[in-house]
Amino acid sequence: MRSKGKTLLVVALVAVVGMAFRVSWNALHDVARAVGADDAAATLYPFVVDGLMALALVATLVLADDARRFALKVLGSYTAASLVLNYV
């Protein structure tokens, strides 16, 4: 039963991260284009910002102690960056 709960939590987390990434995609792509990025760079830019945010989230779930605290700082920083860039 406990394994089923963990699986459901992971699936829900992946779904929420996927939806947030999709919502953020256009804004981050537009920011990259506005600062002069070419098509390829503008397409990859959302993966850099939101992708590192997703990796930091996974890291906070699997790491411990100082490594977890560092991952939380990275997660907070990239979350703030994504919010600011989406607002712009």
PDB file of N, CA and C in Angstrom:
ATOM      1  N   MET A   1       0.823  -1.199   0.000  1.00  0.00           N
ATOM      2  CA  MET A   1       0.000   0.000   0.000  1.00  0.00           C
ATOM      3  C   MET A   1       0.864   1.260   0.000  1.00  0.00           C
ATOM      4  N   ARG A   2       1.939   1.220   0.760  1.00  0.00           N
ATOM      5  CA  ARG A   2       2.821   2.378   0.856  1.00  0.00           C
ATOM      6  C   ARG A   2       3.484   2.687  -0.480  1.00  0.00           C
ATOM      7  N   SER A   3       3.833   1.647  -1.219  1.00  0.00           N
ATOM      8  CA  SER A   3       4.456   1.819  -2.532  1.00  0.00           C
ATOM      9  C   SER A   3       3.478   2.465  -3.511  1.00  0.00           C
ATOM     10  N   LYS A   4       2.215   2.107  -3.408  1.00  0.00           N
ATOM     11  CA  LYS A   4       1.185   2.693  -4.268  1.00  0.00           C
ATOM     12  C   LYS A   4       1.042   4.193  -3.996  1.00  0.00           C
ATOM     13  N   GLY A   5       1.133   4.580  -2.735  1.00  0.00           N
ATOM     14  CA  GLY A   5       1.051   5.991  -2.368  1.00  0.00           C
ATOM     15  C   GLY A   5       2.227   6.783  -2.911  1.00  0.00           C
ATOM     16  N   LYS A   6       3.428   6.201  -2.834  1.00  0.00           N
ATOM     17  CA  LYS A   6       4.613   6.874  -3.378  1.00  0.00           C
ATOM     18  C   LYS A   6       4.498   7.027  -4.887  1.00  0.00           C
ATOM     19  N   THR A   7       4.029   5.978  -5.536  1.00  0.00           N
ATOM     20  CA  THR A   7       3.873   6.032  -6.991  1.00  0.00           C
ATOM     21  C   THR A   7       2.873   7.101  -7.381  1.00  0.00           C
ATOM     22  N   LEU A   8       1.767   7.176  -6.678  1.00  0.00           N
ATOM     23  CA  LEU A   8       0.754   8.194  -6.955  1.00  0.00           C
ATOM     24  C   LEU A   8       1.314   9.597  -6.730  1.00  0.00           C
ATOM     25  N   LEU A   9       2.106   9.772  -5.680  1.00  0.00           N
ATOM     26  CA  LEU A   9       2.714  11.061  -5.402  1.00  0.00           C
ATOM     27  C   LEU A   9       3.688  11.463  -6.510  1.00  0.00           C
ATOM     28  N   VAL A  10       4.488  10.522  -6.983  1.00  0.00           N
ATOM     29  CA  VAL A  10       5.433  10.814  -8.066  1.00  0.00           C
ATOM     30  C   VAL A  10       4.687  11.161  -9.346  1.00  0.00           C
ATOM     31  N   VAL A  11       3.648  10.426  -9.662  1.00  0.00           N
ATOM     32  CA  VAL A  11       2.856  10.708 -10.867  1.00  0.00           C
ATOM     33  C   VAL A  11       2.217  12.098 -10.768  1.00  0.00           C
ATOM     34  N   ALA A  12       1.677  12.432  -9.615  1.00  0.00           N
ATOM     35  CA  ALA A  12       1.069  13.747  -9.424  1.00  0.00           C
ATOM     36  C   ALA A  12       2.124  14.849  -9.544  1.00  0.00           C
ATOM     37  N   LEU A  13       3.292  14.623  -8.977  1.00  0.00           N
ATOM     38  CA  LEU A  13       4.375  15.603  -9.061  1.00  0.00           C
ATOM     39  C   LEU A  13       4.811  15.818 -10.503  1.00  0.00           C
ATOM     40  N   VAL A  14       4.969  14.744 -11.247  1.00  0.00           N
ATOM     41  CA  VAL A  14       5.352  14.850 -12.662  1.00  0.00           C
ATOM     42  C   VAL A  14       4.278  15.594 -13.450  1.00  0.00           C
ATOM     43  N   ALA A  15       3.020  15.330 -13.157  1.00  0.00           N
ATOM     44  CA  ALA A  15       1.929  16.007 -13.860  1.00  0.00           C
ATOM     45  C   ALA A  15       1.945  17.514 -13.578  1.00  0.00           C
ATOM     46  N   VAL A  16       2.119  17.888 -12.326  1.00  0.00           N
ATOM     47  CA  VAL A  16       2.134  19.311 -11.968  1.00  0.00           C
ATOM     48  C   VAL A  16       3.338  20.009 -12.591  1.00  0.00           C
ATOM     49  N   VAL A  17       4.512  19.387 -12.530  1.00  0.00           N
ATOM     50  CA  VAL A  17       5.707  19.974 -13.129  1.00  0.00           C
ATOM     51  C   VAL A  17       5.512  20.116 -14.639  1.00  0.00           C
ATOM     52  N   GLY A  18       4.924  19.100 -15.270  1.00  0.00           N
ATOM     53  CA  GLY A  18       4.659  19.164 -16.714  1.00  0.00           C
ATOM     54  C   GLY A  18       3.719  20.297 -17.081  1.00  0.00           C
ATOM     55  N   MET A  19       2.663  20.459 -16.298  1.00  0.00           N
ATOM     56  CA  MET A  19       1.714  21.548 -16.574  1.00  0.00           C
ATOM     57  C   MET A  19       2.362  22.910 -16.366  1.00  0.00           C
ATOM     58  N   ALA A  20       3.142  23.040 -15.299  1.00  0.00           N
ATOM     59  CA  ALA A  20       3.818  24.316 -15.027  1.00  0.00           C
ATOM     60  C   ALA A  20       4.813  24.637 -16.142  1.00  0.00           C
ATOM     61  N   PHE A  21       5.522  23.617 -16.621  1.00  0.00           N
ATOM     62  CA  PHE A  21       6.472  23.824 -17.710  1.00  0.00           C
ATOM     63  C   PHE A  21       5.757  24.310 -18.964  1.00  0.00           C
ATOM     64  N   ARG A  22       4.631  23.715 -19.268  1.00  0.00           N
ATOM     65  CA  ARG A  22       3.875  24.109 -20.470  1.00  0.00           C
ATOM     66  C   ARG A  22       3.347  25.532 -20.351  1.00  0.00           C
ATOM     67  N   VAL A  23       2.864  25.900 -19.194  1.00  0.00           N
ATOM     68  CA  VAL A  23       2.348  27.252 -18.986  1.00  0.00           C
ATOM     69  C   VAL A  23       3.479  28.275 -19.127  1.00  0.00           C
ATOM     70  N   SER A  24       4.644  27.927 -18.650  1.00  0.00           N
ATOM     71  CA  SER A  24       5.791  28.819 -18.649  1.00  0.00           C
ATOM     72  C   SER A  24       6.498  28.889 -20.006  1.00  0.00           C
ATOM     73  N   TRP A  25       6.293  27.895 -20.850  1.00  0.00           N
ATOM     74  CA  TRP A  25       7.036  27.769 -22.109  1.00  0.00           C
ATOM     75  C   TRP A  25       6.999  29.038 -22.966  1.00  0.00           C
ATOM     76  N   ASN A  26       5.810  29.529 -23.280  1.00  0.00           N
ATOM     77  CA  ASN A  26       5.686  30.688 -24.167  1.00  0.00           C
ATOM     78  C   ASN A  26       6.382  31.925 -23.607  1.00  0.00           C
ATOM     79  N   ALA A  27       6.205  32.164 -22.317  1.00  0.00           N
ATOM     80  CA  ALA A  27       6.818  33.353 -21.713  1.00  0.00           C
ATOM     81  C   ALA A  27       8.339  33.269 -21.770  1.00  0.00           C
ATOM     82  N   LEU A  28       8.902  32.135 -21.420  1.00  0.00           N
ATOM     83  CA  LEU A  28      10.359  32.000 -21.435  1.00  0.00           C
ATOM     84  C   LEU A  28      10.905  32.043 -22.866  1.00  0.00           C
ATOM     85  N   HIS A  29      10.186  31.450 -23.793  1.00  0.00           N
ATOM     86  CA  HIS A  29      10.594  31.495 -25.202  1.00  0.00           C
ATOM     87  C   HIS A  29      10.578  32.943 -25.695  1.00  0.00           C
ATOM     88  N   ASP A  30       9.536  33.681 -25.349  1.00  0.00           N
ATOM     89  CA  ASP A  30       9.431  35.085 -25.761  1.00  0.00           C
ATOM     90  C   ASP A  30      10.534  35.947 -25.150  1.00  0.00           C
ATOM     91  N   VAL A  31      10.887  35.699 -23.888  1.00  0.00           N
ATOM     92  CA  VAL A  31      11.967  36.445 -23.251  1.00  0.00           C
ATOM     93  C   VAL A  31      13.279  36.188 -23.990  1.00  0.00           C
ATOM     94  N   ALA A  32      13.541  34.933 -24.317  1.00  0.00           N
ATOM     95  CA  ALA A  32      14.773  34.596 -25.033  1.00  0.00           C
ATOM     96  C   ALA A  32      14.820  35.294 -26.389  1.00  0.00           C
ATOM     97  N   ARG A  33      13.708  35.318 -27.083  1.00  0.00           N
ATOM     98  CA  ARG A  33      13.661  35.998 -28.392  1.00  0.00           C
ATOM     99  C   ARG A  33      13.849  37.508 -28.222  1.00  0.00           C
ATOM    100  N   ALA A  34      13.273  38.068 -27.166  1.00  0.00           N
ATOM    101  CA  ALA A  34      13.368  39.515 -26.942  1.00  0.00           C
ATOM    102  C   ALA A  34      14.798  39.967 -26.665  1.00  0.00           C
ATOM    103  N   VAL A  35      15.607  39.086 -26.101  1.00  0.00           N
ATOM    104  CA  VAL A  35      16.994  39.468 -25.816  1.00  0.00           C
ATOM    105  C   VAL A  35      17.936  39.072 -26.944  1.00  0.00           C
ATOM    106  N   GLY A  36      17.357  38.618 -28.067  1.00  0.00           N
ATOM    107  CA  GLY A  36      18.152  38.371 -29.254  1.00  0.00           C
ATOM    108  C   GLY A  36      18.567  36.944 -29.517  1.00  0.00           C
ATOM    109  N   ALA A  37      18.019  35.994 -28.801  1.00  0.00           N
ATOM    110  CA  ALA A  37      18.360  34.589 -29.031  1.00  0.00           C
ATOM    111  C   ALA A  37      17.792  34.127 -30.374  1.00  0.00           C
ATOM    112  N   ASP A  38      18.518  33.261 -31.051  1.00  0.00           N
ATOM    113  CA  ASP A  38      17.997  32.700 -32.295  1.00  0.00           C
ATOM    114  C   ASP A  38      16.936  31.641 -31.972  1.00  0.00           C
ATOM    115  N   ASP A  39      16.324  31.072 -33.012  1.00  0.00           N
ATOM    116  CA  ASP A  39      15.223  30.117 -32.800  1.00  0.00           C
ATOM    117  C   ASP A  39      15.635  28.917 -31.952  1.00  0.00           C
ATOM    118  N   ALA A  40      16.812  28.358 -32.244  1.00  0.00           N
ATOM    119  CA  ALA A  40      17.260  27.171 -31.501  1.00  0.00           C
ATOM    120  C   ALA A  40      17.484  27.501 -30.028  1.00  0.00           C
ATOM    121  N   ALA A  41      18.154  28.608 -29.765  1.00  0.00           N
ATOM    122  CA  ALA A  41      18.423  29.002 -28.380  1.00  0.00           C
ATOM    123  C   ALA A  41      17.124  29.338 -27.640  1.00  0.00           C
ATOM    124  N   ALA A  42      16.211  30.015 -28.317  1.00  0.00           N
ATOM    125  CA  ALA A  42      14.935  30.366 -27.689  1.00  0.00           C
ATOM    126  C   ALA A  42      14.117  29.124 -27.375  1.00  0.00           C
ATOM    127  N   THR A  43      14.260  28.102 -28.197  1.00  0.00           N
ATOM    128  CA  THR A  43      13.544  26.842 -27.952  1.00  0.00           C
ATOM    129  C   THR A  43      14.150  26.100 -26.761  1.00  0.00           C
ATOM    130  N   LEU A  44      15.457  26.161 -26.605  1.00  0.00           N
ATOM    131  CA  LEU A  44      16.124  25.462 -25.508  1.00  0.00           C
ATOM    132  C   LEU A  44      16.046  26.216 -24.178  1.00  0.00           C
ATOM    133  N   TYR A  45      15.890  27.515 -24.222  1.00  0.00           N
ATOM    134  CA  TYR A  45      15.912  28.334 -23.017  1.00  0.00           C
ATOM    135  C   TYR A  45      14.910  27.886 -21.943  1.00  0.00           C
ATOM    136  N   PRO A  46      13.666  27.573 -22.286  1.00  0.00           N
ATOM    137  CA  PRO A  46      12.747  27.109 -21.242  1.00  0.00           C
ATOM    138  C   PRO A  46      13.221  25.825 -20.555  1.00  0.00           C
ATOM    139  N   PHE A  47      13.932  24.975 -21.306  1.00  0.00           N
ATOM    140  CA  PHE A  47      14.470  23.761 -20.687  1.00  0.00           C
ATOM    141  C   PHE A  47      15.545  24.098 -19.657  1.00  0.00           C
ATOM    142  N   VAL A  48      16.310  25.145 -19.914  1.00  0.00           N
ATOM    143  CA  VAL A  48      17.370  25.536 -18.988  1.00  0.00           C
ATOM    144  C   VAL A  48      16.751  26.010 -17.675  1.00  0.00           C
ATOM    145  N   VAL A  49      15.844  26.946 -17.741  1.00  0.00           N
ATOM    146  CA  VAL A  49      15.266  27.523 -16.527  1.00  0.00           C
ATOM    147  C   VAL A  49      14.375  26.515 -15.809  1.00  0.00           C
ATOM    148  N   ASP A  50      13.358  26.019 -16.478  1.00  0.00           N
ATOM    149  CA  ASP A  50      12.412  25.112 -15.824  1.00  0.00           C
ATOM    150  C   ASP A  50      12.985  23.704 -15.665  1.00  0.00           C
ATOM    151  N   GLY A  51      13.885  23.322 -16.561  1.00  0.00           N
ATOM    152  CA  GLY A  51      14.505  22.005 -16.439  1.00  0.00           C
ATOM    153  C   GLY A  51      15.392  21.919 -15.211  1.00  0.00           C
ATOM    154  N   LEU A  52      16.184  22.962 -14.960  1.00  0.00           N
ATOM    155  CA  LEU A  52      17.012  22.966 -13.754  1.00  0.00           C
ATOM    156  C   LEU A  52      16.147  23.040 -12.499  1.00  0.00           C
ATOM    157  N   MET A  53      15.030  23.708 -12.602  1.00  0.00           N
ATOM    158  CA  MET A  53      14.110  23.764 -11.474  1.00  0.00           C
ATOM    159  C   MET A  53      13.573  22.352 -11.170  1.00  0.00           C
ATOM    160  N   ALA A  54      13.212  21.604 -12.195  1.00  0.00           N
ATOM    161  CA  ALA A  54      12.714  20.238 -12.008  1.00  0.00           C
ATOM    162  C   ALA A  54      13.810  19.332 -11.443  1.00  0.00           C
ATOM    163  N   LEU A  55      15.030  19.470 -11.950  1.00  0.00           N
ATOM    164  CA  LEU A  55      16.135  18.664 -11.425  1.00  0.00           C
ATOM    165  C   LEU A  55      16.415  18.984  -9.963  1.00  0.00           C
ATOM    166  N   ALA A  56      16.343  20.252  -9.600  1.00  0.00           N
ATOM    167  CA  ALA A  56      16.558  20.632  -8.208  1.00  0.00           C
ATOM    168  C   ALA A  56      15.457  20.070  -7.310  1.00  0.00           C
ATOM    169  N   LEU A  57      14.237  20.009  -7.829  1.00  0.00           N
ATOM    170  CA  LEU A  57      13.138  19.424  -7.063  1.00  0.00           C
ATOM    171  C   LEU A  57      13.403  17.947  -6.800  1.00  0.00           C
ATOM    172  N   VAL A  58      13.820  17.227  -7.818  1.00  0.00           N
ATOM    173  CA  VAL A  58      14.144  15.806  -7.645  1.00  0.00           C
ATOM    174  C   VAL A  58      15.295  15.655  -6.658  1.00  0.00           C
ATOM    175  N   ALA A  59      16.299  16.518  -6.774  1.00  0.00           N
ATOM    176  CA  ALA A  59      17.447  16.453  -5.865  1.00  0.00           C
ATOM    177  C   ALA A  59      17.024  16.651  -4.413  1.00  0.00           C
ATOM    178  N   THR A  60      16.088  17.548  -4.161  1.00  0.00           N
ATOM    179  CA  THR A  60      15.640  17.767  -2.783  1.00  0.00           C
ATOM    180  C   THR A  60      14.933  16.538  -2.231  1.00  0.00           C
ATOM    181  N   LEU A  61      14.362  15.738  -3.119  1.00  0.00           N
ATOM    182  CA  LEU A  61      13.662  14.531  -2.671  1.00  0.00           C
ATOM    183  C   LEU A  61      14.613  13.370  -2.391  1.00  0.00           C
ATOM    184  N   VAL A  62      15.753  13.334  -3.047  1.00  0.00           N
ATOM    185  CA  VAL A  62      16.631  12.164  -2.909  1.00  0.00           C
ATOM    186  C   VAL A  62      17.902  12.438  -2.103  1.00  0.00           C
ATOM    187  N   LEU A  63      18.293  13.681  -1.943  1.00  0.00           N
ATOM    188  CA  LEU A  63      19.519  13.994  -1.214  1.00  0.00           C
ATOM    189  C   LEU A  63      19.224  14.259   0.251  1.00  0.00           C
ATOM    190  N   ALA A  64      20.288  14.345   1.045  1.00  0.00           N
ATOM    191  CA  ALA A  64      20.120  14.590   2.479  1.00  0.00           C
ATOM    192  C   ALA A  64      21.116  15.648   2.945  1.00  0.00           C
ATOM    193  N   ASP A  65      20.856  16.198   4.097  1.00  0.00           N
ATOM    194  CA  ASP A  65      21.751  17.111   4.806  1.00  0.00           C
ATOM    195  C   ASP A  65      22.157  18.327   3.970  1.00  0.00           C
ATOM    196  N   ASP A  66      23.468  18.598   3.871  1.00  0.00           N
ATOM    197  CA  ASP A  66      23.952  19.791   3.171  1.00  0.00           C
ATOM    198  C   ASP A  66      23.594  19.780   1.694  1.00  0.00           C
ATOM    199  N   ALA A  67      23.634  18.603   1.080  1.00  0.00           N
ATOM    200  CA  ALA A  67      23.288  18.504  -0.339  1.00  0.00           C
ATOM    201  C   ALA A  67      21.826  18.876  -0.558  1.00  0.00           C
ATOM    202  N   ARG A  68      20.949  18.468   0.355  1.00  0.00           N
ATOM    203  CA  ARG A  68      19.530  18.824   0.244  1.00  0.00           C
ATOM    204  C   ARG A  68      19.340  20.325   0.416  1.00  0.00           C
ATOM    205  N   ARG A  69      20.038  20.918   1.365  1.00  0.00           N
ATOM    206  CA  ARG A  69      19.924  22.365   1.560  1.00  0.00           C
ATOM    207  C   ARG A  69      20.395  23.128   0.325  1.00  0.00           C
ATOM    208  N   PHE A  70      21.479  22.664  -0.278  1.00  0.00           N
ATOM    209  CA  PHE A  70      21.951  23.296  -1.503  1.00  0.00           C
ATOM    210  C   PHE A  70      20.915  23.156  -2.618  1.00  0.00           C
ATOM    211  N   ALA A  71      20.339  21.961  -2.761  1.00  0.00           N
ATOM    212  CA  ALA A  71      19.313  21.736  -3.789  1.00  0.00           C
ATOM    213  C   ALA A  71      18.099  22.633  -3.552  1.00  0.00           C
ATOM    214  N   LEU A  72      17.732  22.839  -2.289  1.00  0.00           N
ATOM    215  CA  LEU A  72      16.612  23.734  -1.976  1.00  0.00           C
ATOM    216  C   LEU A  72      16.927  25.174  -2.361  1.00  0.00           C
ATOM    217  N   LYS A  73      18.184  25.599  -2.159  1.00  0.00           N
ATOM    218  CA  LYS A  73      18.573  26.949  -2.566  1.00  0.00           C
ATOM    219  C   LYS A  73      18.512  27.095  -4.080  1.00  0.00           C
ATOM    220  N   VAL A  74      18.976  26.086  -4.788  1.00  0.00           N
ATOM    221  CA  VAL A  74      18.901  26.112  -6.256  1.00  0.00           C
ATOM    222  C   VAL A  74      17.445  26.133  -6.694  1.00  0.00           C
ATOM    223  N   LEU A  75      16.623  25.296  -6.078  1.00  0.00           N
ATOM    224  CA  LEU A  75      15.195  25.257  -6.414  1.00  0.00           C
ATOM    225  C   LEU A  75      14.545  26.612  -6.175  1.00  0.00           C
ATOM    226  N   GLY A  76      14.823  27.229  -5.043  1.00  0.00           N
ATOM    227  CA  GLY A  76      14.252  28.542  -4.751  1.00  0.00           C
ATOM    228  C   GLY A  76      14.713  29.601  -5.736  1.00  0.00           C
ATOM    229  N   SER A  77      16.000  29.566  -6.069  1.00  0.00           N
ATOM    230  CA  SER A  77      16.547  30.552  -7.000  1.00  0.00           C
ATOM    231  C   SER A  77      15.927  30.424  -8.388  1.00  0.00           C
ATOM    232  N   TYR A  78      15.853  29.198  -8.893  1.00  0.00           N
ATOM    233  CA  TYR A  78      15.297  29.012 -10.233  1.00  0.00           C
ATOM    234  C   TYR A  78      13.786  29.201 -10.268  1.00  0.00           C
ATOM    235  N   THR A  79      13.112  28.919  -9.157  1.00  0.00           N
ATOM    236  CA  THR A  79      11.679  29.204  -9.103  1.00  0.00           C
ATOM    237  C   THR A  79      11.457  30.717  -9.168  1.00  0.00           C
ATOM    238  N   ALA A  80      12.248  31.456  -8.406  1.00  0.00           N
ATOM    239  CA  ALA A  80      12.126  32.923  -8.441  1.00  0.00           C
ATOM    240  C   ALA A  80      12.456  33.458  -9.839  1.00  0.00           C
ATOM    241  N   ALA A  81      13.511  32.931 -10.441  1.00  0.00           N
ATOM    242  CA  ALA A  81      13.889  33.371 -11.793  1.00  0.00           C
ATOM    243  C   ALA A  81      12.775  33.087 -12.790  1.00  0.00           C
ATOM    244  N   SER A  82      12.183  31.907 -12.699  1.00  0.00           N
ATOM    245  CA  SER A  82      11.105  31.557 -13.622  1.00  0.00           C
ATOM    246  C   SER A  82       9.904  32.478 -13.437  1.00  0.00           C
ATOM    247  N   LEU A  83       9.558  32.766 -12.171  1.00  0.00           N
ATOM    248  CA  LEU A  83       8.421  33.653 -11.908  1.00  0.00           C
ATOM    249  C   LEU A  83       8.675  35.050 -12.448  1.00  0.00           C
ATOM    250  N   VAL A  84       9.878  35.575 -12.224  1.00  0.00           N
ATOM    251  CA  VAL A  84      10.210  36.909 -12.715  1.00  0.00           C
ATOM    252  C   VAL A  84      10.175  36.932 -14.238  1.00  0.00           C
ATOM    253  N   LEU A  85      10.790  35.942 -14.872  1.00  0.00           N
ATOM    254  CA  LEU A  85      10.816  35.910 -16.335  1.00  0.00           C
ATOM    255  C   LEU A  85       9.427  35.713 -16.931  1.00  0.00           C
ATOM    256  N   ASN A  86       8.576  34.953 -16.268  1.00  0.00           N
ATOM    257  CA  ASN A  86       7.202  34.807 -16.740  1.00  0.00           C
ATOM    258  C   ASN A  86       6.429  36.106 -16.591  1.00  0.00           C
ATOM    259  N   TYR A  87       6.732  36.872 -15.555  1.00  0.00           N
ATOM    260  CA  TYR A  87       6.068  38.153 -15.347  1.00  0.00           C
ATOM    261  C   TYR A  87       6.482  39.167 -16.406  1.00  0.00           C
ATOM    262  N   VAL A  88       7.769  39.132 -16.750  1.00  0.00           N
ATOM    263  CA  VAL A  88       8.305  40.077 -17.737  1.00  0.00           C
ATOM    264  C   VAL A  88       7.584  39.837 -19.038  1.00  0.00           C
TER     265      VAL A  88
END
